[in-house]
Protein backbone atom coordinates (compact mmCIF):
# COMPACT_ATOMS: atom_id res chain seq x y z
CA MET A 1 176.51 64.84 137.53
CA THR A 2 173.96 64.05 134.88
CA GLN A 3 174.55 60.76 132.96
CA ILE A 4 173.04 58.99 129.97
CA SER A 5 171.19 55.74 130.67
CA LEU A 6 168.30 53.59 129.57
CA ASP A 7 166.32 55.00 132.44
CA GLY A 8 166.81 58.45 130.94
CA TYR A 9 165.34 57.38 127.65
CA SER A 10 162.45 55.67 129.41
CA GLN A 11 161.71 58.89 131.32
CA SER A 12 161.82 60.87 128.18
CA LEU A 13 159.42 58.59 126.44
CA GLU A 14 157.14 58.76 129.49
CA ALA A 15 157.23 62.59 129.36
CA THR A 16 156.20 62.67 125.69
CA LYS A 17 152.71 61.51 126.74
CA ASN A 18 152.10 65.01 128.04
CA ILE A 19 153.51 66.79 124.97
CA SER A 20 151.25 69.43 123.39
CA ALA A 21 150.66 70.41 119.82
CA LYS A 22 152.42 73.74 120.50
CA THR A 23 155.58 71.96 121.61
CA ILE A 24 155.67 69.77 118.46
CA PHE A 25 155.01 72.81 116.21
CA SER A 26 157.57 75.04 118.00
CA SER A 27 160.22 72.25 117.85
CA THR A 28 159.55 71.75 114.10
CA LEU A 29 159.88 75.49 113.51
CA LEU A 30 163.18 75.71 115.30
CA PHE A 31 164.51 72.79 113.27
CA ILE A 32 163.35 74.46 109.99
CA PHE A 33 164.95 77.71 111.11
CA ALA A 34 168.34 75.91 111.50
CA PHE A 35 168.21 75.34 107.77
CA ALA A 36 166.78 78.75 106.96
CA GLY A 37 168.59 80.55 104.07
CA ILE A 38 169.55 77.45 102.13
CA GLU A 39 166.86 78.17 99.55
CA ASP A 40 168.60 81.59 98.91
CA MET A 41 171.75 79.76 97.61
CA ALA A 42 170.23 79.40 94.19
CA ALA A 43 170.09 83.21 93.84
CA MET A 44 173.73 83.62 94.71
CA THR A 45 175.38 80.80 92.75
CA LYS A 46 176.43 82.95 89.88
CA ASP A 47 178.64 84.90 92.14
CA VAL A 48 180.38 81.84 93.58
CA HIS A 49 183.97 81.42 92.41
CA PHE A 50 184.92 78.01 93.69
CA LYS A 51 184.19 74.60 92.17
CA ASN A 52 183.07 72.53 95.11
CA PHE A 53 179.99 74.53 95.90
CA ARG A 54 177.73 71.57 95.85
CA THR A 55 180.05 69.55 98.14
CA ILE A 56 180.30 72.40 100.61
CA LEU A 57 176.55 73.00 100.65
CA LEU A 58 175.66 69.25 101.23
CA THR A 59 178.44 69.03 103.92
CA ALA A 60 176.95 72.05 105.74
CA ILE A 61 173.44 70.51 105.61
CA GLY A 62 174.78 67.21 106.81
CA ALA A 63 176.80 68.81 109.63
CA ILE A 64 173.65 70.64 110.95
CA PHE A 65 171.56 67.51 110.69
CA VAL A 66 174.14 65.29 112.49
CA PHE A 67 174.64 68.00 115.25
CA TYR A 68 170.91 68.20 115.90
CA MET A 69 170.41 64.47 115.96
CA GLY A 70 173.49 63.96 118.27
CA VAL A 71 172.50 66.64 120.74
CA TYR A 72 168.82 65.50 120.92
CA THR A 73 169.93 61.84 121.34
CA VAL A 74 172.22 62.83 124.25
CA MET A 75 169.62 65.08 125.92
CA LEU A 76 166.88 62.37 125.61
CA GLY A 77 169.00 59.95 127.48
CA LEU A 78 169.75 62.21 130.48
CA GLU A 79 168.29 61.00 133.76
CA GLN A 80 165.62 63.33 135.08
CA SER A 81 166.70 63.16 138.75
CA GLY A 82 165.77 66.32 140.56
CA ALA A 83 168.90 66.44 142.67
CA ILE A 84 171.26 65.78 139.68
CA ASN A 85 169.34 68.36 137.56
CA ASN A 86 169.69 70.90 140.36
CA LYS A 87 173.41 70.42 140.63
CA PHE A 88 173.93 70.43 136.83
CA TYR A 89 171.99 73.76 136.42
CA HIS A 90 173.84 75.23 139.41
CA TYR A 91 177.19 74.44 137.98
CA TYR A 92 176.03 75.54 134.54
CA SER A 93 174.78 78.94 135.87
CA LEU A 94 177.98 79.52 137.75
CA ALA A 95 180.16 78.64 134.75
CA LEU A 96 178.35 79.99 131.81
CA GLY A 97 175.29 81.88 133.25
CA THR A 98 176.12 85.44 132.68
CA PHE A 99 178.88 84.79 130.13
CA GLY A 100 176.68 82.44 128.11
CA LEU A 101 173.79 84.90 128.12
CA VAL A 102 175.97 87.76 126.88
CA LEU A 103 177.61 85.57 124.31
CA PHE A 104 174.21 84.37 123.09
CA ILE A 105 172.83 87.92 122.76
CA ILE A 106 175.85 89.16 120.89
CA GLY A 107 175.90 86.21 118.62
CA PHE A 108 172.19 86.29 117.98
CA ILE A 109 172.12 89.98 117.17
CA SER A 110 175.22 89.64 114.84
CA ASN A 111 173.74 86.62 113.13
CA ASP A 112 170.40 88.26 112.72
CA ILE A 113 171.81 91.36 111.24
CA GLY A 114 174.06 89.58 108.90
CA TYR A 115 171.20 87.24 107.81
CA LYS A 116 168.86 90.20 107.13
CA ILE A 117 171.44 91.90 104.95
CA THR A 118 172.27 88.97 102.90
CA GLN A 119 168.61 87.88 102.64
CA THR A 120 167.72 91.21 101.22
CA VAL A 121 170.32 90.86 98.43
CA SER A 122 169.41 87.23 97.65
CA THR A 123 165.66 87.89 97.66
CA ALA A 124 166.17 90.94 95.38
CA ARG A 125 167.87 88.60 92.89
CA LYS A 126 164.84 86.40 92.73
CA LEU A 127 162.86 89.33 91.36
CA VAL A 128 165.24 89.71 88.44
CA PRO A 129 164.09 86.76 86.29
CA LEU A 130 160.48 87.83 86.84
CA ALA A 131 161.28 91.39 85.63
CA GLU A 132 163.19 90.04 82.68
CA ASP A 133 160.16 87.93 81.70
CA ASN A 134 157.93 91.00 82.00
CA LEU A 135 155.99 89.51 84.88
CA ILE A 136 156.74 92.46 87.05
CA HIS A 137 158.05 95.97 86.35
CA GLU A 138 161.30 95.99 84.34
CA MET A 139 163.03 98.37 86.70
CA PHE A 140 163.76 95.54 89.09
CA SER A 141 166.17 94.05 86.48
CA GLU A 142 168.22 97.30 86.06
CA HIS A 143 171.84 97.39 87.14
CA ASN A 144 173.61 100.30 88.92
CA SER A 145 177.25 101.34 88.37
CA LYS A 146 178.35 98.57 90.66
CA GLN A 147 176.48 95.92 88.61
CA GLU A 148 174.00 95.40 91.48
CA TYR A 149 170.18 95.39 91.34
CA LYS A 150 169.79 98.53 93.49
CA LYS A 151 166.11 99.13 92.88
CA ALA A 152 165.24 95.51 93.59
CA ILE A 153 167.34 95.49 96.80
CA ILE A 154 165.73 98.79 98.12
CA PHE A 155 162.26 97.47 97.32
CA VAL A 156 162.86 94.17 99.17
CA ALA A 157 164.48 95.99 102.17
CA ILE A 158 161.48 98.37 102.52
CA PHE A 159 158.91 95.67 102.01
CA THR A 160 160.78 93.41 104.73
CA LEU A 161 160.92 96.25 107.18
CA ILE A 162 157.22 97.04 106.82
CA SER A 163 156.33 93.33 107.10
CA MET A 164 158.43 92.96 110.25
CA ILE A 165 156.98 96.03 111.97
CA SER A 166 153.42 95.03 110.95
CA LEU A 167 153.75 91.42 112.26
CA SER A 168 155.34 92.51 115.46
CA LEU A 169 152.62 94.99 116.15
CA TYR A 170 150.00 92.29 115.36
CA VAL A 171 151.54 90.02 117.87
CA LEU A 172 151.99 92.62 120.58
CA LEU A 173 148.42 93.92 120.15
CA ALA A 174 146.89 90.41 120.03
CA GLN A 175 148.39 89.44 123.37
CA LYS A 176 146.04 89.35 126.32
CA PRO A 177 146.48 91.85 129.15
CA GLY A 178 149.05 90.76 131.61
CA GLU A 179 150.36 87.92 129.40
CA GLU A 180 154.21 87.99 128.93
CA ASN A 181 154.92 84.67 127.24
CA TYR A 182 157.19 86.02 124.61
CA PHE A 183 158.19 82.58 123.44
CA ASP A 184 154.65 81.90 122.39
CA ALA A 185 154.57 85.33 120.82
CA VAL A 186 157.64 84.54 118.62
CA ILE A 187 156.11 81.25 117.60
CA ASN A 188 152.88 82.93 116.69
CA MET A 189 154.58 85.63 114.69
CA SER A 190 156.59 83.07 112.87
CA CYS A 191 153.47 81.18 112.10
CA VAL A 192 151.75 84.33 110.83
CA ALA A 193 154.73 85.24 108.69
CA LEU A 194 154.82 81.80 107.03
CA LEU A 195 151.08 81.74 106.49
CA VAL A 196 151.19 85.24 104.89
CA GLU A 197 154.06 84.19 102.67
CA ASP A 198 152.24 81.06 101.52
CA ILE A 199 148.99 82.95 100.90
CA PHE A 200 150.74 85.54 98.77
CA THR A 201 152.57 82.90 96.83
CA PHE A 202 149.35 81.18 95.94
CA ILE A 203 147.66 84.53 95.05
CA VAL A 204 150.57 85.52 92.68
CA ALA A 205 150.68 82.10 91.01
CA PHE A 206 146.98 82.03 90.29
CA VAL A 207 146.95 85.70 89.05
CA LEU A 208 149.77 84.86 86.67
CA GLN A 209 147.97 81.82 85.45
CA LYS A 210 144.81 83.89 84.96
CA LYS A 211 146.74 86.30 82.85
CA LYS A 212 148.19 83.34 80.88
CA LYS A 213 151.80 84.44 81.71
CA ILE A 214 152.53 80.96 83.15
CA GLU A 215 151.21 77.53 82.23
CA LYS A 216 148.01 76.25 83.75
CA ILE A 217 148.50 74.93 87.29
CA PRO A 218 147.17 71.33 87.53
CA PHE A 219 144.53 70.73 90.21
CA TRP A 220 146.62 67.97 91.83
């Protein structure tokens, strides 16, 4: 079977000479996605009812980082022998091929649905301070009978749905005829989404500065 050795690390370092910018960028995105959602913790802290929130948060971040570093270190040390790799993939496909694929699909869908639901709630809470400071319409700070910001949640959910559909259509329509590299399409869609998010952030910040609703943004 496959084993870790110095030759494996040497082969991995030799292979990095042919690495592309797309590989670097996609790996960076995947690493960032592993920590996605942490920034939403600040919007949910007022609903947390235990004392060791900071410890749990830092422990979770550390566990993810250690897991990634450990797995990458092991994988970089695997020997790249063709015969060994063929046996490894053969045994893997027999043991976890179909089962692993089904488990991954179920887990991915469940995780994505859960993330989208909680993201809508946490993002809606970020609008509340803006509404309370009269930077946006005050309706986003209104409570319903369950003490939730229903209007803000509905607005974020609709805006997220429209954005997802628009970006998906953009990636599909921008694909060349006969091209079916969906991994590249997902990377491109993620890049477009992050770019649009950053652009809108800058636009909103400079508009608020222009209206003197926030302090002047230094050039540096």
